[in-house]
N, C-alpha and C. Protein backbone atom coordinates (compact mmCIF):
# COMPACT_ATOMS: atom_id res chain seq x y z
N MET A 1 14.23 1.83 6.92
CA MET A 1 13.33 2.45 6.81
C MET A 1 12.61 3.30 5.97
N ALA A 2 10.99 3.10 5.74
CA ALA A 2 10.53 3.49 4.20
C ALA A 2 10.14 5.42 4.18
N THR A 3 10.12 5.74 3.15
CA THR A 3 10.59 7.28 2.57
C THR A 3 9.47 7.62 1.44
N PRO A 4 8.43 8.02 1.80
CA PRO A 4 7.89 8.00 0.52
C PRO A 4 7.74 9.12 -0.16
N VAL A 5 8.12 8.94 -1.10
CA VAL A 5 8.83 10.72 -1.86
C VAL A 5 7.49 11.13 -3.23
N CYS A 6 7.12 12.20 -3.61
CA CYS A 6 5.59 12.44 -3.90
C CYS A 6 6.43 13.99 -5.04
N ARG A 7 6.19 13.28 -6.25
CA ARG A 7 6.53 14.36 -6.93
C ARG A 7 5.04 14.41 -8.32
N ARG A 8 4.30 15.83 -8.30
CA ARG A 8 3.24 15.62 -9.02
C ARG A 8 3.53 16.02 -10.51
N TYR A 9 3.06 15.22 -11.82
CA TYR A 9 3.54 15.76 -12.70
C TYR A 9 2.16 16.01 -13.55
N GLY A 10 1.96 16.25 -14.82
CA GLY A 10 0.84 15.83 -15.83
C GLY A 10 0.10 14.88 -15.83
N ARG A 11 -0.80 14.82 -16.79
CA ARG A 11 -1.31 13.31 -16.69
C ARG A 11 -0.78 12.65 -18.02
N ALA A 12 -0.39 13.08 -18.83
CA ALA A 12 0.26 13.00 -20.10
C ALA A 12 1.38 11.82 -19.47
N ARG A 13 2.20 12.16 -18.74
CA ARG A 13 3.64 11.47 -18.52
C ARG A 13 3.12 10.78 -17.25
N ARG A 14 3.82 9.36 -17.92
CA ARG A 14 3.47 8.20 -16.92
C ARG A 14 4.24 8.04 -15.67
N ASP A 15 4.17 7.18 -14.64
CA ASP A 15 5.10 7.38 -13.76
C ASP A 15 6.35 6.34 -14.00
N ARG A 16 6.31 6.03 -14.73
CA ARG A 16 7.39 5.02 -15.09
C ARG A 16 8.66 6.66 -14.88
N ASP A 17 7.64 7.59 -16.13
CA ASP A 17 9.13 8.08 -16.85
C ASP A 17 9.39 9.38 -16.03
N ALA A 18 8.39 9.38 -14.98
CA ALA A 18 8.50 10.23 -13.76
C ALA A 18 9.24 9.85 -13.06
N ALA A 19 9.31 8.75 -13.08
CA ALA A 19 10.56 8.09 -11.54
C ALA A 19 11.58 8.16 -11.61
N ARG A 20 12.21 8.23 -13.17
CA ARG A 20 13.62 8.91 -12.96
C ARG A 20 13.98 10.44 -12.12
N ASP A 21 12.88 11.26 -12.76
CA ASP A 21 13.46 12.87 -12.09
C ASP A 21 13.02 12.25 -10.77
N VAL A 22 12.37 11.66 -10.12
CA VAL A 22 11.93 11.27 -8.34
C VAL A 22 13.62 11.00 -7.93
N PHE A 23 13.45 9.74 -8.44
CA PHE A 23 14.79 9.35 -8.11
C PHE A 23 16.54 10.24 -7.69
N TRP A 24 16.08 11.57 -9.39
CA TRP A 24 17.47 11.52 -9.26
C TRP A 24 17.05 12.85 -8.41
N ARG A 25 16.76 13.42 -7.71
CA ARG A 25 15.98 14.60 -6.81
C ARG A 25 16.15 13.67 -4.96
N LEU A 26 15.84 12.10 -5.39
CA LEU A 26 16.18 11.39 -4.23
C LEU A 26 17.66 11.60 -4.07
N ARG A 27 18.28 10.99 -5.04
CA ARG A 27 19.90 10.84 -5.08
C ARG A 27 20.51 11.93 -4.28
N LEU A 28 19.90 12.94 -5.45
CA LEU A 28 20.34 14.57 -4.44
C LEU A 28 20.24 14.69 -2.93
N THR A 29 19.78 15.09 -2.66
CA THR A 29 18.40 14.59 -1.68
C THR A 29 18.67 13.72 0.14
N GLN A 30 18.98 12.90 -0.38
CA GLN A 30 19.28 11.64 0.03
C GLN A 30 20.10 10.49 -0.04
N PRO A 31 21.34 11.11 -0.41
CA PRO A 31 22.56 10.43 -0.89
C PRO A 31 22.74 9.03 0.24
N GLN A 32 22.40 8.79 1.33
CA GLN A 32 22.58 7.76 1.80
C GLN A 32 21.57 6.80 1.40
N ILE A 33 20.08 6.60 0.87
CA ILE A 33 19.23 5.65 0.60
C ILE A 33 19.98 5.20 -0.71
N THR A 34 20.15 3.63 -0.61
CA THR A 34 20.29 2.87 -1.49
C THR A 34 20.11 2.00 -2.37
N GLN A 35 18.72 1.56 -1.44
CA GLN A 35 17.81 1.05 -1.89
C GLN A 35 16.49 0.92 -2.04
N VAL A 36 15.33 1.29 -3.33
CA VAL A 36 14.27 1.46 -3.45
C VAL A 36 13.08 0.48 -3.49
N TRP A 37 12.22 0.17 -3.23
CA TRP A 37 11.76 -1.30 -4.17
C TRP A 37 10.34 -0.20 -4.68
N ALA A 38 9.66 -0.92 -5.40
CA ALA A 38 8.93 -0.65 -6.28
C ALA A 38 7.93 -1.71 -6.83
N ASP A 39 6.39 -1.04 -7.48
CA ASP A 39 5.81 -1.90 -8.08
C ASP A 39 6.06 -2.64 -9.14
N ARG A 40 5.24 -3.48 -10.15
CA ARG A 40 6.12 -4.14 -11.46
C ARG A 40 6.16 -2.87 -12.85
N GLY A 41 5.34 -2.26 -12.21
CA GLY A 41 4.78 -1.07 -13.20
C GLY A 41 6.57 -0.14 -13.30
N TYR A 42 7.16 -0.15 -12.68
CA TYR A 42 8.36 0.09 -13.15
C TYR A 42 9.86 -0.59 -12.74
N ALA A 43 9.87 -1.82 -13.18
CA ALA A 43 10.46 -2.68 -14.02
C ALA A 43 10.67 -2.15 -15.43
N GLY A 44 12.23 -3.03 -15.94
CA GLY A 44 12.42 -2.67 -17.52
C GLY A 44 13.67 -2.42 -17.40
N GLU A 45 13.91 -1.40 -17.82
CA GLU A 45 14.97 -0.39 -18.19
C GLU A 45 15.13 0.52 -16.72
N LEU A 46 14.39 1.02 -16.33
CA LEU A 46 14.41 1.70 -15.29
C LEU A 46 15.38 1.27 -14.04
N VAL A 47 15.11 0.33 -13.89
CA VAL A 47 15.95 -0.74 -13.02
C VAL A 47 17.72 -0.34 -13.34
N ASP A 48 17.46 -0.63 -14.69
CA ASP A 48 19.43 -0.37 -15.46
C ASP A 48 19.68 0.95 -14.98
N TRP A 49 18.42 1.38 -15.16
CA TRP A 49 19.38 3.36 -15.35
C TRP A 49 19.07 3.58 -14.27
N ALA A 50 18.49 3.52 -12.85
CA ALA A 50 18.72 3.78 -11.65
C ALA A 50 20.51 3.16 -11.13
N ARG A 51 20.45 1.54 -11.81
CA ARG A 51 21.70 0.88 -11.06
C ARG A 51 23.09 1.66 -11.63
N ASP A 52 23.12 2.20 -13.10
CA ASP A 52 24.02 2.60 -13.93
C ASP A 52 24.54 3.75 -13.82
N ARG A 53 23.13 5.05 -13.53
CA ARG A 53 23.53 6.13 -13.57
C ARG A 53 23.97 6.63 -12.40
N LEU A 54 22.70 6.08 -11.17
CA LEU A 54 22.93 6.91 -9.57
C LEU A 54 23.40 5.72 -8.33
N TRP A 55 23.67 4.48 -9.30
CA TRP A 55 24.21 3.52 -8.03
C TRP A 55 22.92 3.41 -7.34
N LEU A 56 21.73 3.31 -7.48
CA LEU A 56 20.54 3.16 -6.66
C LEU A 56 19.87 1.00 -7.05
N THR A 57 19.91 0.56 -6.21
CA THR A 57 19.35 -0.66 -6.38
C THR A 57 17.64 -0.88 -6.29
N LEU A 58 17.03 -1.23 -7.73
CA LEU A 58 15.59 -0.40 -7.64
C LEU A 58 15.44 -2.23 -7.24
N ARG A 59 14.66 -2.27 -6.36
CA ARG A 59 14.24 -3.97 -6.53
C ARG A 59 12.30 -4.10 -6.46
N ILE A 60 12.01 -4.78 -7.69
CA ILE A 60 10.61 -5.08 -7.74
C ILE A 60 9.84 -5.90 -7.24
N VAL A 61 8.91 -5.29 -6.62
CA VAL A 61 7.71 -6.12 -5.83
C VAL A 61 6.63 -6.62 -6.23
N SER A 62 6.91 -8.30 -6.54
CA SER A 62 6.18 -8.57 -7.52
C SER A 62 4.64 -9.58 -6.01
N ARG A 63 3.52 -9.61 -7.03
CA ARG A 63 2.63 -10.89 -6.68
C ARG A 63 3.14 -12.31 -6.53
N PRO A 64 3.19 -13.04 -5.58
CA PRO A 64 3.68 -14.40 -5.88
C PRO A 64 2.66 -15.29 -6.69
N LYS A 65 3.45 -15.60 -7.71
CA LYS A 65 2.82 -16.63 -8.45
C LYS A 65 1.50 -17.50 -8.42
N GLY A 66 0.84 -17.26 -9.19
CA GLY A 66 -0.60 -18.47 -8.59
C GLY A 66 -1.30 -17.91 -7.58
N THR A 67 -1.40 -17.07 -6.98
CA THR A 67 -1.96 -15.84 -5.81
C THR A 67 -3.42 -15.32 -6.49
N LYS A 68 -4.28 -15.48 -6.28
CA LYS A 68 -5.87 -14.97 -6.91
C LYS A 68 -6.31 -13.74 -5.36
N GLY A 69 -6.84 -13.00 -6.02
CA GLY A 69 -7.45 -12.15 -5.28
C GLY A 69 -6.49 -11.12 -4.37
N PHE A 70 -6.81 -10.31 -2.67
CA PHE A 70 -5.79 -10.08 -2.09
C PHE A 70 -4.31 -10.11 -1.66
N VAL A 71 -3.78 -9.87 -2.13
CA VAL A 71 -1.77 -10.39 -1.35
C VAL A 71 -2.15 -9.20 -0.67
N VAL A 72 -1.27 -9.25 0.61
CA VAL A 72 0.03 -8.50 1.23
C VAL A 72 0.96 -8.54 0.53
N LEU A 73 1.32 -7.53 0.09
CA LEU A 73 3.05 -7.70 -1.04
C LEU A 73 4.05 -7.69 0.31
N PRO A 74 5.49 -7.78 0.51
CA PRO A 74 6.34 -7.50 1.15
C PRO A 74 7.01 -5.80 0.48
N ARG A 75 7.27 -5.07 1.84
CA ARG A 75 7.99 -3.85 1.57
C ARG A 75 6.44 -2.80 1.64
N ARG A 76 5.93 -3.57 0.71
CA ARG A 76 4.74 -2.61 0.03
C ARG A 76 3.83 -2.20 1.37
N TRP A 77 3.49 -2.58 2.39
CA TRP A 77 2.56 -2.17 3.55
C TRP A 77 2.89 -1.20 4.23
N LYS A 78 4.60 -1.77 4.00
CA LYS A 78 5.04 -0.19 5.00
C LYS A 78 4.66 1.09 5.04
N ILE A 79 5.10 0.82 3.36
CA ILE A 79 4.31 2.14 2.39
C ILE A 79 3.24 2.89 3.08
N GLU A 80 2.46 2.07 1.83
CA GLU A 80 1.23 2.00 2.54
C GLU A 80 0.40 2.35 4.37
N ARG A 81 0.99 1.74 5.34
CA ARG A 81 0.91 2.33 6.41
C ARG A 81 1.41 3.59 6.90
N THR A 82 2.75 3.34 6.60
CA THR A 82 3.41 5.16 6.74
C THR A 82 2.39 6.30 5.70
N ILE A 83 1.45 6.28 4.70
CA ILE A 83 0.64 7.48 4.23
C ILE A 83 -0.36 7.34 5.30
N GLY A 84 -0.97 6.18 5.26
CA GLY A 84 -1.82 5.78 6.37
C GLY A 84 -2.25 6.67 7.53
N TRP A 85 -0.95 7.04 8.37
CA TRP A 85 -0.47 6.86 9.66
C TRP A 85 -0.57 9.05 9.56
N CYS A 86 0.43 9.49 8.20
CA CYS A 86 0.26 10.73 7.49
C CYS A 86 -1.24 11.34 7.14
N MET A 87 -1.79 10.44 6.45
CA MET A 87 -3.27 11.08 6.61
C MET A 87 -4.18 11.33 7.89
N ASN A 88 -4.24 10.06 8.93
CA ASN A 88 -4.71 10.28 10.06
C ASN A 88 -4.39 11.99 10.81
N ALA A 89 -3.23 12.12 10.41
CA ALA A 89 -2.94 13.26 11.20
C ALA A 89 -3.20 14.56 10.69
N ARG A 90 -4.41 15.25 10.51
CA ARG A 90 -4.66 16.20 9.79
C ARG A 90 -3.83 17.01 9.37
N ARG A 91 -3.38 17.60 10.24
CA ARG A 91 -2.46 18.65 10.53
C ARG A 91 -0.70 18.32 9.58
N ASN A 92 -0.85 17.49 9.33
CA ASN A 92 0.15 16.89 8.42
C ASN A 92 -0.33 16.75 6.59
N ALA A 93 -1.47 16.79 6.76
CA ALA A 93 -2.04 16.12 5.53
C ALA A 93 -2.97 17.78 4.73
N ARG A 94 -3.42 18.01 6.03
CA ARG A 94 -4.03 19.32 5.52
C ARG A 94 -3.51 20.64 5.57
N ASP A 95 -2.54 21.13 5.75
CA ASP A 95 -1.75 22.17 6.23
C ASP A 95 -1.07 22.51 5.42
């Protein structure tokens, strides 16, 4: 099951830096979630931090090597589809 977690931060803060706070809140509110998929922008020390501090497996979804143009990435399409469903239901998106 894909669970999008959103939090709003100022423009000066990078997504990777804000992810620590989001993952921390995710762990507190949804302790049953043990695995998270993310873009390549979240790779690096965030993967180790999530594993060591939160016992959370952060899996990085990358483009297949040698591809050009648009490519459907595994797992990512589920999040995009879920957000699309939420935005189609105007009551959920606009109230």
